[in-house]
């Protein structure tokens, strides 16, 4: 999920840049230090705005840099278990497909694509249902649910996020619309056996 949060952090202003406008410098360094990074709370910072210095900063003996405390508004992404996300198929592999949602990619394993046996056509970058003939191709817009999330703090693009589309209301947008037009699925009730 996307959130807007207020954060207080510290940025390092190198000694060779101390002659520049301190407010602009604090803003530039805050954006370059925190945007595109994962924080300790496992949230991915997309954007830092309304950056302000909170004090005069501190100089650490032997370093020469100023350590400036700043406050800023951050737009962050925190992938949550069971969250439903919309994304785009960005790559098809023999074991499934990768779905890009926001700045992250999640793996849709072949067993989680649909309630049908799935054939893989790696050459044409597509997955095809054996009986339904429904297919997923690179570039298709889909809706999936997060079933596993392990966020890599050092390299967010290498985070491991598992997805599923095996539920009503999930899948390729065209499939969802087809199912909606058909109406609700009727479930047959079993007759009770008499003894």
C-alpha atoms as a PDB file:
ATOM      1  CA  UNK A   1       0.000   0.000   0.000  1.00  0.00           C
ATOM      2  CA  UNK A   2       1.025   3.576  -0.588  1.00  0.00           C
ATOM      3  CA  UNK A   3       1.284   5.914   2.382  1.00  0.00           C
ATOM      4  CA  UNK A   4       2.313   9.498   3.021  1.00  0.00           C
ATOM      5  CA  UNK A   5       4.384   9.715   6.203  1.00  0.00           C
ATOM      6  CA  UNK A   6       6.398  12.411   7.976  1.00  0.00           C
ATOM      7  CA  UNK A   7       9.979  11.357   8.686  1.00  0.00           C
ATOM      8  CA  UNK A   8      12.931  12.772  10.579  1.00  0.00           C
ATOM      9  CA  UNK A   9      16.357  11.632   9.398  1.00  0.00           C
ATOM     10  CA  UNK A  10      19.952  12.815   9.205  1.00  0.00           C
ATOM     11  CA  UNK A  11      21.860  13.642   6.014  1.00  0.00           C
ATOM     12  CA  UNK A  12      25.613  14.039   5.635  1.00  0.00           C
ATOM     13  CA  UNK A  13      26.719  17.270   3.966  1.00  0.00           C
ATOM     14  CA  UNK A  14      30.285  16.793   2.663  1.00  0.00           C
ATOM     15  CA  UNK A  15      32.839  19.494   3.559  1.00  0.00           C
ATOM     16  CA  UNK A  16      33.509  20.434  -0.087  1.00  0.00           C
ATOM     17  CA  UNK A  17      29.842  21.539  -0.513  1.00  0.00           C
ATOM     18  CA  UNK A  18      29.525  23.703   2.619  1.00  0.00           C
ATOM     19  CA  UNK A  19      29.721  26.974   0.646  1.00  0.00           C
ATOM     20  CA  UNK A  20      26.406  26.256  -1.160  1.00  0.00           C
ATOM     21  CA  UNK A  21      22.905  27.285  -0.031  1.00  0.00           C
ATOM     22  CA  UNK A  22      22.318  25.001   2.976  1.00  0.00           C
ATOM     23  CA  UNK A  23      18.542  24.602   2.532  1.00  0.00           C
ATOM     24  CA  UNK A  24      18.800  23.614  -1.150  1.00  0.00           C
ATOM     25  CA  UNK A  25      21.702  21.306  -0.347  1.00  0.00           C
ATOM     26  CA  UNK A  26      19.796  19.622   2.489  1.00  0.00           C
ATOM     27  CA  UNK A  27      16.861  19.044   0.116  1.00  0.00           C
ATOM     28  CA  UNK A  28      19.026  17.619  -2.668  1.00  0.00           C
ATOM     29  CA  UNK A  29      20.922  15.307  -0.314  1.00  0.00           C
ATOM     30  CA  UNK A  30      17.720  14.135   1.411  1.00  0.00           C
ATOM     31  CA  UNK A  31      16.200  13.138  -1.939  1.00  0.00           C
ATOM     32  CA  UNK A  32      19.353  11.369  -3.152  1.00  0.00           C
ATOM     33  CA  UNK A  33      19.867   9.596   0.200  1.00  0.00           C
ATOM     34  CA  UNK A  34      16.319   8.348   0.834  1.00  0.00           C
ATOM     35  CA  UNK A  35      14.392   8.149  -2.467  1.00  0.00           C
ATOM     36  CA  UNK A  36      14.492   4.659  -3.988  1.00  0.00           C
ATOM     37  CA  UNK A  37      15.673   3.118  -0.718  1.00  0.00           C
ATOM     38  CA  UNK A  38      14.092   0.776   1.826  1.00  0.00           C
ATOM     39  CA  UNK A  39      13.725   2.135   5.357  1.00  0.00           C
ATOM     40  CA  UNK A  40      14.046   0.112   8.564  1.00  0.00           C
ATOM     41  CA  UNK A  41      10.255  -0.397   8.628  1.00  0.00           C
ATOM     42  CA  UNK A  42      10.497  -2.245   5.242  1.00  0.00           C
ATOM     43  CA  UNK A  43       8.838   0.609   3.336  1.00  0.00           C
ATOM     44  CA  UNK A  44      10.171   1.670  -0.058  1.00  0.00           C
ATOM     45  CA  UNK A  45      10.519   5.478  -0.293  1.00  0.00           C
ATOM     46  CA  UNK A  46       9.314   6.775  -3.636  1.00  0.00           C
ATOM     47  CA  UNK A  47       9.352  10.528  -3.085  1.00  0.00           C
ATOM     48  CA  UNK A  48      10.604  13.039  -0.480  1.00  0.00           C
ATOM     49  CA  UNK A  49       8.942  16.468  -0.369  1.00  0.00           C
ATOM     50  CA  UNK A  50       8.544  19.463   1.986  1.00  0.00           C
ATOM     51  CA  UNK A  51      12.089  19.024   3.277  1.00  0.00           C
ATOM     52  CA  UNK A  52      13.151  21.296   6.132  1.00  0.00           C
ATOM     53  CA  UNK A  53      16.241  21.532   8.309  1.00  0.00           C
ATOM     54  CA  UNK A  54      15.528  21.037  12.003  1.00  0.00           C
ATOM     55  CA  UNK A  55      18.667  22.506  13.560  1.00  0.00           C
ATOM     56  CA  UNK A  56      22.112  23.825  12.673  1.00  0.00           C
ATOM     57  CA  UNK A  57      23.640  20.365  12.239  1.00  0.00           C
ATOM     58  CA  UNK A  58      26.662  18.805  13.903  1.00  0.00           C
ATOM     59  CA  UNK A  59      30.261  18.433  12.818  1.00  0.00           C
ATOM     60  CA  UNK A  60      31.899  15.131  13.735  1.00  0.00           C
ATOM     61  CA  UNK A  61      35.555  15.405  14.759  1.00  0.00           C
ATOM     62  CA  UNK A  62      37.873  13.915  12.145  1.00  0.00           C
ATOM     63  CA  UNK A  63      35.200  13.892   9.412  1.00  0.00           C
ATOM     64  CA  UNK A  64      34.655  17.567   8.576  1.00  0.00           C
ATOM     65  CA  UNK A  65      31.139  16.933   7.242  1.00  0.00           C
ATOM     66  CA  UNK A  66      27.987  18.421   8.737  1.00  0.00           C
ATOM     67  CA  UNK A  67      25.365  15.930   9.894  1.00  0.00           C
ATOM     68  CA  UNK A  68      22.092  17.745   9.346  1.00  0.00           C
ATOM     69  CA  UNK A  69      18.804  16.628  10.902  1.00  0.00           C
ATOM     70  CA  UNK A  70      15.913  17.020   8.423  1.00  0.00           C
ATOM     71  CA  UNK A  71      12.159  16.427   8.430  1.00  0.00           C
ATOM     72  CA  UNK A  72      10.280  15.557   5.236  1.00  0.00           C
ATOM     73  CA  UNK A  73       7.080  14.088   3.849  1.00  0.00           C
ATOM     74  CA  UNK A  74       7.662  10.748   2.166  1.00  0.00           C
ATOM     75  CA  UNK A  75       5.449   8.781  -0.192  1.00  0.00           C
ATOM     76  CA  UNK A  76       6.221   5.152   0.603  1.00  0.00           C
ATOM     77  CA  UNK A  77       5.168   1.717  -0.618  1.00  0.00           C
ATOM     78  CA  UNK A  78       4.718  -1.084   1.936  1.00  0.00           C
ATOM     79  CA  UNK A  79       3.708  -4.356   0.247  1.00  0.00           C
ATOM     80  CA  UNK A  80       1.354  -6.134   2.674  1.00  0.00           C
ATOM     81  CA  UNK A  81       0.338  -9.782   2.733  1.00  0.00           C
ATOM     82  CA  UNK A  82      -3.111 -10.372   1.181  1.00  0.00           C
ATOM     83  CA  UNK A  83      -3.021  -6.956  -0.538  1.00  0.00           C
ATOM     84  CA  UNK A  84      -4.523  -6.867  -4.038  1.00  0.00           C
ATOM     85  CA  UNK A  85      -2.323  -5.084  -6.602  1.00  0.00           C
ATOM     86  CA  UNK A  86      -2.713  -4.104 -10.248  1.00  0.00           C
ATOM     87  CA  UNK A  87       0.325  -4.525 -12.464  1.00  0.00           C
ATOM     88  CA  UNK A  88       1.757  -5.436 -15.845  1.00  0.00           C
ATOM     89  CA  UNK A  89       3.365  -8.681 -16.988  1.00  0.00           C
ATOM     90  CA  UNK A  90       6.983  -7.657 -17.606  1.00  0.00           C
ATOM     91  CA  UNK A  91       8.594 -11.055 -18.254  1.00  0.00           C
ATOM     92  CA  UNK A  92       7.483 -14.643 -18.881  1.00  0.00           C
ATOM     93  CA  UNK A  93       9.732 -17.516 -17.804  1.00  0.00           C
ATOM     94  CA  UNK A  94       9.346 -21.303 -17.849  1.00  0.00           C
ATOM     95  CA  UNK A  95       8.379 -21.246 -14.134  1.00  0.00           C
ATOM     96  CA  UNK A  96       5.878 -18.351 -14.316  1.00  0.00           C
ATOM     97  CA  UNK A  97       5.749 -14.617 -14.925  1.00  0.00           C
ATOM     98  CA  UNK A  98       7.000 -11.440 -13.285  1.00  0.00           C
ATOM     99  CA  UNK A  99       4.463  -8.699 -12.616  1.00  0.00           C
ATOM    100  CA  UNK A 100       5.592  -5.092 -12.157  1.00  0.00           C
ATOM    101  CA  UNK A 101       3.470  -3.074  -9.735  1.00  0.00           C
ATOM    102  CA  UNK A 102       4.772   0.337  -8.830  1.00  0.00           C
ATOM    103  CA  UNK A 103       8.572   0.189  -8.547  1.00  0.00           C
ATOM    104  CA  UNK A 104       8.674  -3.516  -7.583  1.00  0.00           C
ATOM    105  CA  UNK A 105       8.330  -6.866  -9.364  1.00  0.00           C
ATOM    106  CA  UNK A 106       6.521  -9.900  -7.983  1.00  0.00           C
ATOM    107  CA  UNK A 107       6.670 -13.531  -9.098  1.00  0.00           C
ATOM    108  CA  UNK A 108       3.499 -15.202 -10.301  1.00  0.00           C
ATOM    109  CA  UNK A 109       4.440 -18.898 -10.169  1.00  0.00           C
ATOM    110  CA  UNK A 110       2.965 -21.065 -12.917  1.00  0.00           C
ATOM    111  CA  UNK A 111       0.865 -22.924 -10.314  1.00  0.00           C
ATOM    112  CA  UNK A 112      -0.749 -19.625  -9.234  1.00  0.00           C
ATOM    113  CA  UNK A 113      -1.866 -18.336 -12.661  1.00  0.00           C
ATOM    114  CA  UNK A 114      -5.295 -20.015 -12.958  1.00  0.00           C
ATOM    115  CA  UNK A 115      -7.335 -23.093 -12.056  1.00  0.00           C
ATOM    116  CA  UNK A 116      -6.254 -24.849 -15.250  1.00  0.00           C
ATOM    117  CA  UNK A 117      -3.108 -26.635 -16.378  1.00  0.00           C
ATOM    118  CA  UNK A 118      -0.798 -23.988 -17.856  1.00  0.00           C
ATOM    119  CA  UNK A 119       1.495 -24.473 -20.847  1.00  0.00           C
ATOM    120  CA  UNK A 120       4.503 -22.198 -21.239  1.00  0.00           C
ATOM    121  CA  UNK A 121       5.474 -20.631 -24.567  1.00  0.00           C
ATOM    122  CA  UNK A 122       8.769 -18.943 -23.622  1.00  0.00           C
ATOM    123  CA  UNK A 123       9.616 -18.080 -27.231  1.00  0.00           C
ATOM    124  CA  UNK A 124       6.442 -15.969 -27.595  1.00  0.00           C
ATOM    125  CA  UNK A 125       6.519 -14.810 -23.933  1.00  0.00           C
ATOM    126  CA  UNK A 126       3.114 -16.246 -22.975  1.00  0.00           C
ATOM    127  CA  UNK A 127       1.357 -18.674 -20.633  1.00  0.00           C
ATOM    128  CA  UNK A 128      -1.682 -20.566 -22.002  1.00  0.00           C
ATOM    129  CA  UNK A 129      -4.437 -22.432 -20.123  1.00  0.00           C
ATOM    130  CA  UNK A 130      -4.779 -25.989 -21.475  1.00  0.00           C
ATOM    131  CA  UNK A 131      -8.610 -26.153 -21.346  1.00  0.00           C
ATOM    132  CA  UNK A 132      -9.697 -22.505 -21.138  1.00  0.00           C
ATOM    133  CA  UNK A 133      -7.216 -21.290 -23.804  1.00  0.00           C
ATOM    134  CA  UNK A 134      -6.826 -18.089 -21.762  1.00  0.00           C
ATOM    135  CA  UNK A 135      -3.347 -16.648 -22.204  1.00  0.00           C
ATOM    136  CA  UNK A 136      -1.046 -14.188 -20.480  1.00  0.00           C
ATOM    137  CA  UNK A 137       1.471 -12.236 -22.509  1.00  0.00           C
ATOM    138  CA  UNK A 138       4.154  -9.722 -21.812  1.00  0.00           C
ATOM    139  CA  UNK A 139       2.485  -6.296 -21.444  1.00  0.00           C
ATOM    140  CA  UNK A 140      -0.900  -7.626 -20.210  1.00  0.00           C
ATOM    141  CA  UNK A 141      -2.531  -5.727 -17.316  1.00  0.00           C
ATOM    142  CA  UNK A 142      -3.444  -8.008 -14.421  1.00  0.00           C
ATOM    143  CA  UNK A 143      -4.782  -7.996 -10.859  1.00  0.00           C
ATOM    144  CA  UNK A 144      -3.059 -10.254  -8.302  1.00  0.00           C
ATOM    145  CA  UNK A 145      -2.850 -10.785  -4.535  1.00  0.00           C
ATOM    146  CA  UNK A 146       0.394 -10.746  -2.518  1.00  0.00           C
ATOM    147  CA  UNK A 147       0.937 -14.087  -0.744  1.00  0.00           C
ATOM    148  CA  UNK A 148       4.599 -13.683   0.293  1.00  0.00           C
ATOM    149  CA  UNK A 149       6.849 -10.650   0.793  1.00  0.00           C
ATOM    150  CA  UNK A 150      10.537 -10.478   1.663  1.00  0.00           C
ATOM    151  CA  UNK A 151      11.857  -6.951   1.089  1.00  0.00           C
ATOM    152  CA  UNK A 152      15.600  -6.621   0.401  1.00  0.00           C
ATOM    153  CA  UNK A 153      16.802  -3.463   2.170  1.00  0.00           C
ATOM    154  CA  UNK A 154      20.086  -3.216   0.277  1.00  0.00           C
ATOM    155  CA  UNK A 155      18.663  -3.817  -3.191  1.00  0.00           C
ATOM    156  CA  UNK A 156      14.886  -3.260  -3.308  1.00  0.00           C
ATOM    157  CA  UNK A 157      14.629  -4.443  -6.933  1.00  0.00           C
ATOM    158  CA  UNK A 158      15.799  -7.880  -5.714  1.00  0.00           C
ATOM    159  CA  UNK A 159      12.987  -8.209  -3.160  1.00  0.00           C
ATOM    160  CA  UNK A 160      11.067 -11.471  -3.279  1.00  0.00           C
ATOM    161  CA  UNK A 161       7.315 -11.000  -3.591  1.00  0.00           C
ATOM    162  CA  UNK A 162       5.021 -13.948  -4.333  1.00  0.00           C
ATOM    163  CA  UNK A 163       1.692 -13.391  -6.101  1.00  0.00           C
ATOM    164  CA  UNK A 164      -1.437 -15.415  -6.933  1.00  0.00           C
ATOM    165  CA  UNK A 165      -4.304 -14.945  -9.388  1.00  0.00           C
ATOM    166  CA  UNK A 166      -6.264 -18.095  -8.439  1.00  0.00           C
ATOM    167  CA  UNK A 167      -9.337 -16.411  -6.996  1.00  0.00           C
ATOM    168  CA  UNK A 168     -12.498 -14.830  -8.352  1.00  0.00           C
ATOM    169  CA  UNK A 169     -11.863 -11.168  -9.176  1.00  0.00           C
ATOM    170  CA  UNK A 170      -8.171 -11.722  -9.948  1.00  0.00           C
ATOM    171  CA  UNK A 171      -6.385 -12.334 -13.248  1.00  0.00           C
ATOM    172  CA  UNK A 172      -6.030 -10.576 -16.552  1.00  0.00           C
ATOM    173  CA  UNK A 173      -8.441  -7.619 -16.738  1.00  0.00           C
ATOM    174  CA  UNK A 174     -10.200  -9.153 -19.778  1.00  0.00           C
ATOM    175  CA  UNK A 175     -10.823 -12.391 -17.810  1.00  0.00           C
ATOM    176  CA  UNK A 176     -12.266 -10.456 -14.881  1.00  0.00           C
ATOM    177  CA  UNK A 177     -14.661  -8.605 -17.209  1.00  0.00           C
ATOM    178  CA  UNK A 178     -15.697 -11.870 -18.956  1.00  0.00           C
ATOM    179  CA  UNK A 179     -16.414 -13.507 -15.601  1.00  0.00           C
ATOM    180  CA  UNK A 180     -18.371 -10.454 -14.426  1.00  0.00           C
ATOM    181  CA  UNK A 181     -20.611 -10.605 -17.529  1.00  0.00           C
ATOM    182  CA  UNK A 182     -21.279 -14.329 -16.970  1.00  0.00           C
ATOM    183  CA  UNK A 183     -22.537 -13.608 -13.472  1.00  0.00           C
ATOM    184  CA  UNK A 184     -21.881 -15.424 -10.202  1.00  0.00           C
ATOM    185  CA  UNK A 185     -20.786 -19.041 -10.328  1.00  0.00           C
ATOM    186  CA  UNK A 186     -23.458 -21.381  -8.976  1.00  0.00           C
ATOM    187  CA  UNK A 187     -22.260 -24.078  -6.632  1.00  0.00           C
ATOM    188  CA  UNK A 188     -24.144 -27.379  -6.609  1.00  0.00           C
ATOM    189  CA  UNK A 189     -25.203 -28.551  -3.163  1.00  0.00           C
ATOM    190  CA  UNK A 190     -24.574 -32.154  -2.268  1.00  0.00           C
ATOM    191  CA  UNK A 191     -27.570 -34.231  -1.294  1.00  0.00           C
ATOM    192  CA  UNK A 192     -27.484 -35.668   2.173  1.00  0.00           C
ATOM    193  CA  UNK A 193     -27.322 -39.433   2.280  1.00  0.00           C
ATOM    194  CA  UNK A 194     -29.838 -41.276   4.338  1.00  0.00           C
ATOM    195  CA  UNK A 195     -28.642 -44.068   6.540  1.00  0.00           C
END
